[in-house]
Amino acid sequence: MATIVHGDTVRTPLGKGVVQEVRHGGRLLVLIGSRSVVVDARDASISDPPSGSKRRPAPAIDPPPPHDDRDRPGAASDLDLHGLIVAEALERVVSAVDAAILAGHGRLRVIHGRSGGRLRGALHRQLRALPSVRAFRLDPANDGVTIVEL
């Protein structure tokens, strides 16, 4: 069985997708359509590459965060920070805010999780410092998500 790496196309019980991140404990962050899901690596298999092609190595840089409603101006896009250290998470937030503004989104949903609060506190401090952020608040339905108004 081949090792699954970032950038591989895999089949999962939830559908076919591209591996965005390989996590500890045999977990994979897979982009299926416009949704990112975490699956166990044992439940995923590398999709057959087209005939005559070779498996590509993992890209050197991370792709931009997914935008699920690009064709609707003002629609929200999502950024999932699970599994990241604070410094990495803050870098991705700045990039995601810039990308959301360029894509014409009026809102960004940042998924940081409920436990600890260290990441959420650093995120809120970072958002206060960004001039392009008009306002932000915790999602009333899920306190592990911050909604950012751009």
N, C-alpha and C. Protein backbone atom coordinates (compact mmCIF):
# COMPACT_ATOMS: atom_id res chain seq x y z
N MET A 1 0.85 -1.18 0.00
CA MET A 1 0.00 0.00 0.00
C MET A 1 0.89 1.24 0.00
N ALA A 2 0.62 2.17 -0.91
CA ALA A 2 1.42 3.38 -1.04
C ALA A 2 1.08 4.37 0.07
N THR A 3 2.05 5.15 0.47
CA THR A 3 1.83 6.18 1.47
C THR A 3 1.08 7.34 0.84
N ILE A 4 0.07 7.83 1.52
CA ILE A 4 -0.71 8.96 1.04
C ILE A 4 -0.04 10.24 1.50
N VAL A 5 0.14 11.18 0.54
CA VAL A 5 0.79 12.45 0.85
C VAL A 5 -0.09 13.60 0.39
N HIS A 6 0.26 14.79 0.84
CA HIS A 6 -0.42 16.04 0.47
C HIS A 6 -0.48 16.12 -1.06
N GLY A 7 -1.67 16.42 -1.58
CA GLY A 7 -1.84 16.57 -3.02
C GLY A 7 -2.36 15.34 -3.73
N ASP A 8 -2.34 14.18 -3.06
CA ASP A 8 -2.86 12.95 -3.67
C ASP A 8 -4.37 13.02 -3.83
N THR A 9 -4.88 12.43 -4.90
CA THR A 9 -6.31 12.25 -5.07
C THR A 9 -6.66 10.90 -4.46
N VAL A 10 -7.63 10.90 -3.55
CA VAL A 10 -7.98 9.68 -2.83
C VAL A 10 -9.48 9.41 -2.90
N ARG A 11 -9.82 8.15 -2.72
CA ARG A 11 -11.22 7.74 -2.58
C ARG A 11 -11.48 7.51 -1.10
N THR A 12 -12.58 8.07 -0.60
CA THR A 12 -12.96 7.90 0.80
C THR A 12 -14.41 7.43 0.84
N PRO A 13 -14.91 7.02 2.01
CA PRO A 13 -16.33 6.65 2.10
C PRO A 13 -17.25 7.83 1.79
N LEU A 14 -16.73 9.07 1.87
CA LEU A 14 -17.54 10.26 1.62
C LEU A 14 -17.42 10.76 0.18
N GLY A 15 -16.56 10.14 -0.61
CA GLY A 15 -16.37 10.54 -2.00
C GLY A 15 -14.91 10.72 -2.34
N LYS A 16 -14.66 11.13 -3.58
CA LYS A 16 -13.31 11.32 -4.08
C LYS A 16 -12.87 12.75 -3.79
N GLY A 17 -11.60 12.91 -3.34
CA GLY A 17 -11.11 14.24 -3.02
C GLY A 17 -9.61 14.32 -3.05
N VAL A 18 -9.09 15.51 -2.71
CA VAL A 18 -7.65 15.79 -2.73
C VAL A 18 -7.18 15.99 -1.30
N VAL A 19 -6.07 15.34 -0.94
CA VAL A 19 -5.51 15.45 0.40
C VAL A 19 -4.90 16.83 0.58
N GLN A 20 -5.41 17.58 1.57
CA GLN A 20 -4.90 18.91 1.88
C GLN A 20 -3.84 18.86 2.97
N GLU A 21 -3.95 17.85 3.85
CA GLU A 21 -3.04 17.77 4.99
C GLU A 21 -3.03 16.34 5.51
N VAL A 22 -1.84 15.86 5.87
CA VAL A 22 -1.70 14.57 6.53
C VAL A 22 -1.42 14.86 7.99
N ARG A 23 -2.30 14.39 8.87
CA ARG A 23 -2.19 14.70 10.29
C ARG A 23 -1.66 13.51 11.07
N HIS A 24 -1.27 13.79 12.30
CA HIS A 24 -0.80 12.73 13.19
C HIS A 24 -1.95 11.78 13.50
N GLY A 25 -1.61 10.56 13.85
CA GLY A 25 -2.62 9.59 14.21
C GLY A 25 -3.32 8.99 13.00
N GLY A 26 -2.74 9.13 11.81
CA GLY A 26 -3.32 8.52 10.63
C GLY A 26 -4.59 9.20 10.14
N ARG A 27 -4.70 10.50 10.33
CA ARG A 27 -5.88 11.24 9.88
C ARG A 27 -5.50 12.08 8.67
N LEU A 28 -6.45 12.26 7.76
CA LEU A 28 -6.24 13.05 6.56
C LEU A 28 -7.28 14.16 6.48
N LEU A 29 -6.86 15.35 6.11
CA LEU A 29 -7.79 16.43 5.79
C LEU A 29 -7.95 16.39 4.28
N VAL A 30 -9.18 16.09 3.82
CA VAL A 30 -9.43 15.88 2.39
C VAL A 30 -10.47 16.89 1.92
N LEU A 31 -10.18 17.54 0.78
CA LEU A 31 -11.13 18.45 0.16
C LEU A 31 -11.97 17.65 -0.82
N ILE A 32 -13.27 17.52 -0.50
CA ILE A 32 -14.21 16.82 -1.36
C ILE A 32 -15.22 17.85 -1.83
N GLY A 33 -15.16 18.18 -3.11
CA GLY A 33 -16.00 19.26 -3.63
C GLY A 33 -15.55 20.56 -3.00
N SER A 34 -16.44 21.22 -2.28
CA SER A 34 -16.09 22.47 -1.61
C SER A 34 -16.00 22.30 -0.10
N ARG A 35 -15.99 21.06 0.37
CA ARG A 35 -15.95 20.79 1.81
C ARG A 35 -14.66 20.08 2.20
N SER A 36 -14.12 20.48 3.34
CA SER A 36 -12.97 19.79 3.90
C SER A 36 -13.47 18.83 4.97
N VAL A 37 -13.02 17.60 4.89
CA VAL A 37 -13.41 16.59 5.87
C VAL A 37 -12.17 15.88 6.39
N VAL A 38 -12.25 15.38 7.61
CA VAL A 38 -11.17 14.61 8.20
C VAL A 38 -11.58 13.14 8.16
N VAL A 39 -10.72 12.31 7.57
CA VAL A 39 -11.00 10.87 7.49
C VAL A 39 -9.78 10.10 7.98
N ASP A 40 -10.03 8.88 8.40
CA ASP A 40 -8.95 7.99 8.80
C ASP A 40 -8.23 7.52 7.55
N ALA A 41 -6.91 7.51 7.58
CA ALA A 41 -6.13 7.10 6.41
C ALA A 41 -6.45 5.67 6.00
N ARG A 42 -6.86 4.83 6.95
CA ARG A 42 -7.21 3.45 6.62
C ARG A 42 -8.47 3.37 5.77
N ASP A 43 -9.29 4.43 5.81
CA ASP A 43 -10.53 4.46 5.04
C ASP A 43 -10.34 5.14 3.68
N ALA A 44 -9.10 5.50 3.35
CA ALA A 44 -8.84 6.20 2.08
C ALA A 44 -7.88 5.37 1.24
N SER A 45 -8.06 5.44 -0.06
CA SER A 45 -7.12 4.78 -0.97
C SER A 45 -6.80 5.75 -2.10
N ILE A 46 -5.57 5.65 -2.59
CA ILE A 46 -5.13 6.53 -3.67
C ILE A 46 -5.92 6.19 -4.91
N SER A 47 -6.49 7.22 -5.52
CA SER A 47 -7.26 7.04 -6.75
C SER A 47 -6.30 6.69 -7.87
N ASP A 48 -6.76 5.88 -8.80
CA ASP A 48 -5.92 5.47 -9.93
C ASP A 48 -5.56 6.68 -10.77
N PRO A 49 -4.24 6.91 -11.00
CA PRO A 49 -3.85 8.02 -11.86
C PRO A 49 -4.18 7.67 -13.32
N PRO A 50 -4.34 8.66 -14.17
CA PRO A 50 -4.59 8.38 -15.58
C PRO A 50 -3.44 7.57 -16.16
N SER A 51 -3.71 6.73 -17.15
CA SER A 51 -2.67 5.86 -17.71
C SER A 51 -1.53 6.68 -18.27
N GLY A 52 -0.31 6.20 -18.03
CA GLY A 52 0.88 6.87 -18.52
C GLY A 52 1.37 8.01 -17.65
N SER A 53 0.63 8.37 -16.61
CA SER A 53 1.10 9.46 -15.76
C SER A 53 1.72 8.91 -14.49
N LYS A 54 2.59 9.68 -13.91
CA LYS A 54 3.24 9.28 -12.68
C LYS A 54 2.66 10.09 -11.53
N ARG A 55 2.79 9.55 -10.34
CA ARG A 55 2.31 10.24 -9.15
C ARG A 55 3.17 11.47 -8.92
N ARG A 56 2.51 12.62 -8.73
CA ARG A 56 3.24 13.86 -8.49
C ARG A 56 3.62 13.97 -7.02
N PRO A 57 4.79 14.56 -6.73
CA PRO A 57 5.13 14.81 -5.33
C PRO A 57 4.24 15.90 -4.75
N ALA A 58 4.22 15.98 -3.45
CA ALA A 58 3.40 17.00 -2.78
C ALA A 58 3.88 18.38 -3.16
N PRO A 59 2.96 19.33 -3.35
CA PRO A 59 3.38 20.69 -3.67
C PRO A 59 4.17 21.30 -2.52
N ALA A 60 5.04 22.24 -2.86
CA ALA A 60 5.91 22.85 -1.85
C ALA A 60 5.15 23.83 -0.97
N ILE A 61 4.07 24.43 -1.47
CA ILE A 61 3.32 25.38 -0.68
C ILE A 61 1.87 24.94 -0.59
N ASP A 62 1.20 25.39 0.44
CA ASP A 62 -0.20 25.05 0.61
C ASP A 62 -1.05 25.83 -0.39
N PRO A 63 -2.10 25.19 -0.91
CA PRO A 63 -3.00 25.92 -1.79
C PRO A 63 -3.81 26.92 -0.98
N PRO A 64 -4.42 27.91 -1.62
CA PRO A 64 -5.24 28.86 -0.87
C PRO A 64 -6.42 28.15 -0.24
N PRO A 65 -6.98 28.71 0.82
CA PRO A 65 -8.12 28.07 1.46
C PRO A 65 -9.30 27.95 0.50
N PRO A 66 -10.10 26.88 0.65
CA PRO A 66 -11.22 26.71 -0.27
C PRO A 66 -12.29 27.77 -0.08
N HIS A 67 -12.94 28.16 -1.18
CA HIS A 67 -14.05 29.10 -1.15
C HIS A 67 -15.24 28.37 -1.72
N ASP A 68 -16.28 28.22 -0.92
CA ASP A 68 -17.38 27.38 -1.35
C ASP A 68 -18.48 28.10 -2.10
N ASP A 69 -18.50 29.42 -2.15
CA ASP A 69 -19.58 30.14 -2.83
C ASP A 69 -19.02 31.30 -3.65
N ARG A 70 -18.05 31.03 -4.49
CA ARG A 70 -17.37 32.10 -5.23
C ARG A 70 -18.32 32.88 -6.12
N ASP A 71 -19.34 32.23 -6.66
CA ASP A 71 -20.20 32.91 -7.61
C ASP A 71 -21.26 33.78 -6.95
N ARG A 72 -21.35 33.76 -5.63
CA ARG A 72 -22.33 34.59 -4.93
C ARG A 72 -21.60 35.68 -4.17
N PRO A 73 -21.70 36.93 -4.60
CA PRO A 73 -21.03 38.02 -3.89
C PRO A 73 -21.55 38.13 -2.46
N GLY A 74 -20.65 38.37 -1.54
CA GLY A 74 -21.04 38.55 -0.14
C GLY A 74 -21.23 37.25 0.62
N ALA A 75 -21.16 36.10 -0.05
CA ALA A 75 -21.35 34.82 0.64
C ALA A 75 -20.14 34.52 1.51
N ALA A 76 -20.35 33.68 2.50
CA ALA A 76 -19.28 33.34 3.43
C ALA A 76 -18.39 32.26 2.84
N SER A 77 -17.11 32.31 3.20
CA SER A 77 -16.20 31.22 2.91
C SER A 77 -15.69 30.72 4.27
N ASP A 78 -15.15 29.50 4.28
CA ASP A 78 -14.73 28.87 5.54
C ASP A 78 -13.22 28.69 5.58
N LEU A 79 -12.67 28.80 6.79
CA LEU A 79 -11.27 28.51 7.04
C LEU A 79 -11.21 27.66 8.29
N ASP A 80 -10.68 26.45 8.19
CA ASP A 80 -10.59 25.53 9.32
C ASP A 80 -9.16 25.56 9.87
N LEU A 81 -9.02 25.91 11.16
CA LEU A 81 -7.70 26.03 11.79
C LEU A 81 -7.36 24.84 12.68
N HIS A 82 -8.19 23.81 12.68
CA HIS A 82 -7.92 22.64 13.52
C HIS A 82 -6.55 22.04 13.20
N GLY A 83 -5.81 21.69 14.23
CA GLY A 83 -4.52 21.03 14.07
C GLY A 83 -3.35 21.95 13.81
N LEU A 84 -3.57 23.26 13.76
CA LEU A 84 -2.49 24.20 13.50
C LEU A 84 -1.99 24.82 14.79
N ILE A 85 -0.70 25.18 14.82
CA ILE A 85 -0.20 25.94 15.95
C ILE A 85 -0.62 27.40 15.73
N VAL A 86 -0.55 28.21 16.77
CA VAL A 86 -1.07 29.57 16.71
C VAL A 86 -0.41 30.37 15.59
N ALA A 87 0.90 30.31 15.45
CA ALA A 87 1.59 31.10 14.42
C ALA A 87 1.11 30.72 13.02
N GLU A 88 0.99 29.41 12.74
CA GLU A 88 0.51 28.96 11.42
C GLU A 88 -0.93 29.42 11.19
N ALA A 89 -1.75 29.31 12.23
CA ALA A 89 -3.16 29.68 12.12
C ALA A 89 -3.30 31.16 11.79
N LEU A 90 -2.52 32.01 12.45
CA LEU A 90 -2.62 33.45 12.20
C LEU A 90 -2.17 33.82 10.79
N GLU A 91 -1.15 33.12 10.27
CA GLU A 91 -0.72 33.35 8.89
C GLU A 91 -1.84 33.00 7.92
N ARG A 92 -2.50 31.87 8.16
CA ARG A 92 -3.59 31.45 7.27
C ARG A 92 -4.78 32.41 7.35
N VAL A 93 -5.02 32.96 8.54
CA VAL A 93 -6.14 33.90 8.69
C VAL A 93 -5.90 35.14 7.84
N VAL A 94 -4.70 35.70 7.89
CA VAL A 94 -4.39 36.89 7.11
C VAL A 94 -4.54 36.58 5.62
N SER A 95 -4.04 35.43 5.17
CA SER A 95 -4.17 35.04 3.76
C SER A 95 -5.63 34.84 3.38
N ALA A 96 -6.40 34.21 4.27
CA ALA A 96 -7.81 33.94 3.98
C ALA A 96 -8.62 35.23 3.92
N VAL A 97 -8.32 36.19 4.79
CA VAL A 97 -9.01 37.48 4.75
C VAL A 97 -8.73 38.17 3.43
N ASP A 98 -7.46 38.19 3.02
CA ASP A 98 -7.10 38.81 1.73
C ASP A 98 -7.80 38.12 0.58
N ALA A 99 -7.79 36.77 0.58
CA ALA A 99 -8.43 36.01 -0.50
C ALA A 99 -9.93 36.23 -0.53
N ALA A 100 -10.55 36.30 0.64
CA ALA A 100 -12.00 36.52 0.71
C ALA A 100 -12.37 37.90 0.16
N ILE A 101 -11.56 38.90 0.47
CA ILE A 101 -11.82 40.24 -0.04
C ILE A 101 -11.68 40.27 -1.56
N LEU A 102 -10.61 39.65 -2.07
CA LEU A 102 -10.39 39.61 -3.51
C LEU A 102 -11.49 38.85 -4.23
N ALA A 103 -12.06 37.83 -3.58
CA ALA A 103 -13.13 37.03 -4.19
C ALA A 103 -14.49 37.69 -4.04
N GLY A 104 -14.55 38.80 -3.32
CA GLY A 104 -15.81 39.52 -3.16
C GLY A 104 -16.69 39.00 -2.05
N HIS A 105 -16.12 38.22 -1.14
CA HIS A 105 -16.89 37.72 -0.01
C HIS A 105 -17.04 38.81 1.04
N GLY A 106 -18.19 38.91 1.63
CA GLY A 106 -18.41 39.89 2.69
C GLY A 106 -18.22 39.30 4.06
N ARG A 107 -18.03 37.98 4.11
CA ARG A 107 -17.97 37.30 5.40
C ARG A 107 -17.01 36.11 5.29
N LEU A 108 -16.33 35.82 6.39
CA LEU A 108 -15.43 34.67 6.49
C LEU A 108 -15.75 33.94 7.78
N ARG A 109 -15.96 32.63 7.69
CA ARG A 109 -16.18 31.81 8.89
C ARG A 109 -14.86 31.14 9.24
N VAL A 110 -14.34 31.41 10.44
CA VAL A 110 -13.08 30.82 10.89
C VAL A 110 -13.41 29.78 11.96
N ILE A 111 -13.08 28.52 11.66
CA ILE A 111 -13.37 27.41 12.56
C ILE A 111 -12.11 27.17 13.39
N HIS A 112 -12.19 27.46 14.69
CA HIS A 112 -11.03 27.35 15.56
C HIS A 112 -11.20 26.29 16.64
N GLY A 113 -12.39 25.84 16.88
CA GLY A 113 -12.62 24.84 17.92
C GLY A 113 -12.97 25.48 19.25
N ARG A 114 -13.49 24.67 20.13
CA ARG A 114 -13.98 25.17 21.42
C ARG A 114 -12.99 25.05 22.56
N SER A 115 -12.08 24.11 22.49
CA SER A 115 -11.23 23.80 23.65
C SER A 115 -10.09 24.80 23.81
N GLY A 116 -9.71 25.03 25.04
CA GLY A 116 -8.53 25.83 25.35
C GLY A 116 -8.72 27.33 25.26
N GLY A 117 -9.02 27.82 24.09
CA GLY A 117 -9.23 29.25 23.91
C GLY A 117 -7.98 30.02 23.52
N ARG A 118 -6.80 29.37 23.52
CA ARG A 118 -5.57 30.07 23.15
C ARG A 118 -5.62 30.52 21.70
N LEU A 119 -6.06 29.63 20.84
CA LEU A 119 -6.15 29.95 19.42
C LEU A 119 -7.22 31.01 19.18
N ARG A 120 -8.36 30.87 19.84
CA ARG A 120 -9.44 31.86 19.67
C ARG A 120 -8.99 33.24 20.15
N GLY A 121 -8.30 33.30 21.28
CA GLY A 121 -7.82 34.59 21.80
C GLY A 121 -6.83 35.24 20.85
N ALA A 122 -5.88 34.46 20.33
CA ALA A 122 -4.90 35.00 19.38
C ALA A 122 -5.58 35.44 18.09
N LEU A 123 -6.57 34.65 17.63
CA LEU A 123 -7.32 35.01 16.43
C LEU A 123 -8.03 36.34 16.61
N HIS A 124 -8.72 36.53 17.74
CA HIS A 124 -9.46 37.77 17.98
C HIS A 124 -8.52 38.97 18.09
N ARG A 125 -7.35 38.78 18.71
CA ARG A 125 -6.36 39.87 18.76
C ARG A 125 -5.90 40.24 17.34
N GLN A 126 -5.65 39.21 16.51
CA GLN A 126 -5.21 39.44 15.13
C GLN A 126 -6.29 40.17 14.33
N LEU A 127 -7.55 39.76 14.51
CA LEU A 127 -8.64 40.37 13.77
C LEU A 127 -8.82 41.84 14.14
N ARG A 128 -8.62 42.19 15.41
CA ARG A 128 -8.72 43.60 15.84
C ARG A 128 -7.67 44.46 15.14
N ALA A 129 -6.53 43.86 14.81
CA ALA A 129 -5.42 44.60 14.21
C ALA A 129 -5.53 44.73 12.69
N LEU A 130 -6.43 43.97 12.06
CA LEU A 130 -6.55 44.02 10.60
C LEU A 130 -7.53 45.12 10.18
N PRO A 131 -7.07 46.11 9.42
CA PRO A 131 -7.96 47.21 9.03
C PRO A 131 -9.10 46.79 8.11
N SER A 132 -8.95 45.68 7.41
CA SER A 132 -10.00 45.24 6.48
C SER A 132 -11.14 44.50 7.17
N VAL A 133 -10.99 44.23 8.47
CA VAL A 133 -12.04 43.54 9.23
C VAL A 133 -12.96 44.59 9.86
N ARG A 134 -14.22 44.57 9.43
CA ARG A 134 -15.19 45.54 9.97
C ARG A 134 -15.66 45.13 11.36
N ALA A 135 -15.92 43.83 11.55
CA ALA A 135 -16.42 43.32 12.83
C ALA A 135 -16.22 41.81 12.85
N PHE A 136 -16.29 41.24 14.05
CA PHE A 136 -16.27 39.78 14.19
C PHE A 136 -17.03 39.40 15.45
N ARG A 137 -17.54 38.17 15.46
CA ARG A 137 -18.29 37.67 16.61
C ARG A 137 -18.26 36.15 16.59
N LEU A 138 -18.50 35.57 17.76
CA LEU A 138 -18.65 34.12 17.81
C LEU A 138 -19.98 33.74 17.18
N ASP A 139 -19.99 32.62 16.48
CA ASP A 139 -21.22 32.11 15.89
C ASP A 139 -22.16 31.72 17.03
N PRO A 140 -23.37 32.25 17.08
CA PRO A 140 -24.28 31.92 18.18
C PRO A 140 -24.66 30.45 18.23
N ALA A 141 -24.59 29.76 17.10
CA ALA A 141 -24.93 28.35 17.06
C ALA A 141 -23.74 27.45 17.38
N ASN A 142 -22.49 28.01 17.36
CA ASN A 142 -21.30 27.20 17.58
C ASN A 142 -20.18 28.10 18.06
N ASP A 143 -19.83 28.02 19.34
CA ASP A 143 -18.79 28.90 19.88
C ASP A 143 -17.38 28.48 19.47
N GLY A 144 -17.26 27.48 18.62
CA GLY A 144 -15.98 27.09 18.06
C GLY A 144 -15.73 27.74 16.71
N VAL A 145 -16.61 28.69 16.33
CA VAL A 145 -16.52 29.38 15.04
C VAL A 145 -16.62 30.88 15.27
N THR A 146 -15.74 31.63 14.63
CA THR A 146 -15.82 33.08 14.64
C THR A 146 -16.24 33.55 13.25
N ILE A 147 -17.23 34.41 13.19
CA ILE A 147 -17.70 34.97 11.94
C ILE A 147 -17.08 36.35 11.79
N VAL A 148 -16.38 36.55 10.67
CA VAL A 148 -15.65 37.79 10.41
C VAL A 148 -16.38 38.54 9.31
N GLU A 149 -16.74 39.80 9.58
CA GLU A 149 -17.37 40.67 8.58
C GLU A 149 -16.28 41.50 7.92
N LEU A 150 -16.22 41.47 6.59
CA LEU A 150 -15.18 42.19 5.86
C LEU A 150 -15.72 43.46 5.22
